[in-house]
Amino acid sequence: MVHIRVGELIVFPEVLSDNTRRHIASQIRAFCLFATHFHELTALDQELPHVKNLHVVAHVNQEDASAPRERDITLLYKVEPGVFPFLIIPFFL
């Protein structure tokens, strides 16, 4: 990360240390994009005013209330400010 400069875009997986995120946000101030289902990672905007959370709008359909983990998720190709309103835990087979 020695060569990252202001104005560049960095895309990260969610597995990123808190110290690294803070350093990039407070010292380098490059544009960063990462996807996460850990809502605690979205708190940085409360500490640094130039950090903004955005989320991809999704329609979540859970037809069978007796099966809470079975739901259809459709991403709507729209980005809005803030954190996604509820947690979607990914399950892989």
Foldseek 3Di string as FASTA:
>chain_A
DVPQAAAAEAEDEPPDDPVVVCCCVPPRNHHYDYDDLPVVSVCVCVVDVVDWDKDFDWDWADPDPVDVLDIDIGGDPDMDTDDPPDGNDDDDD
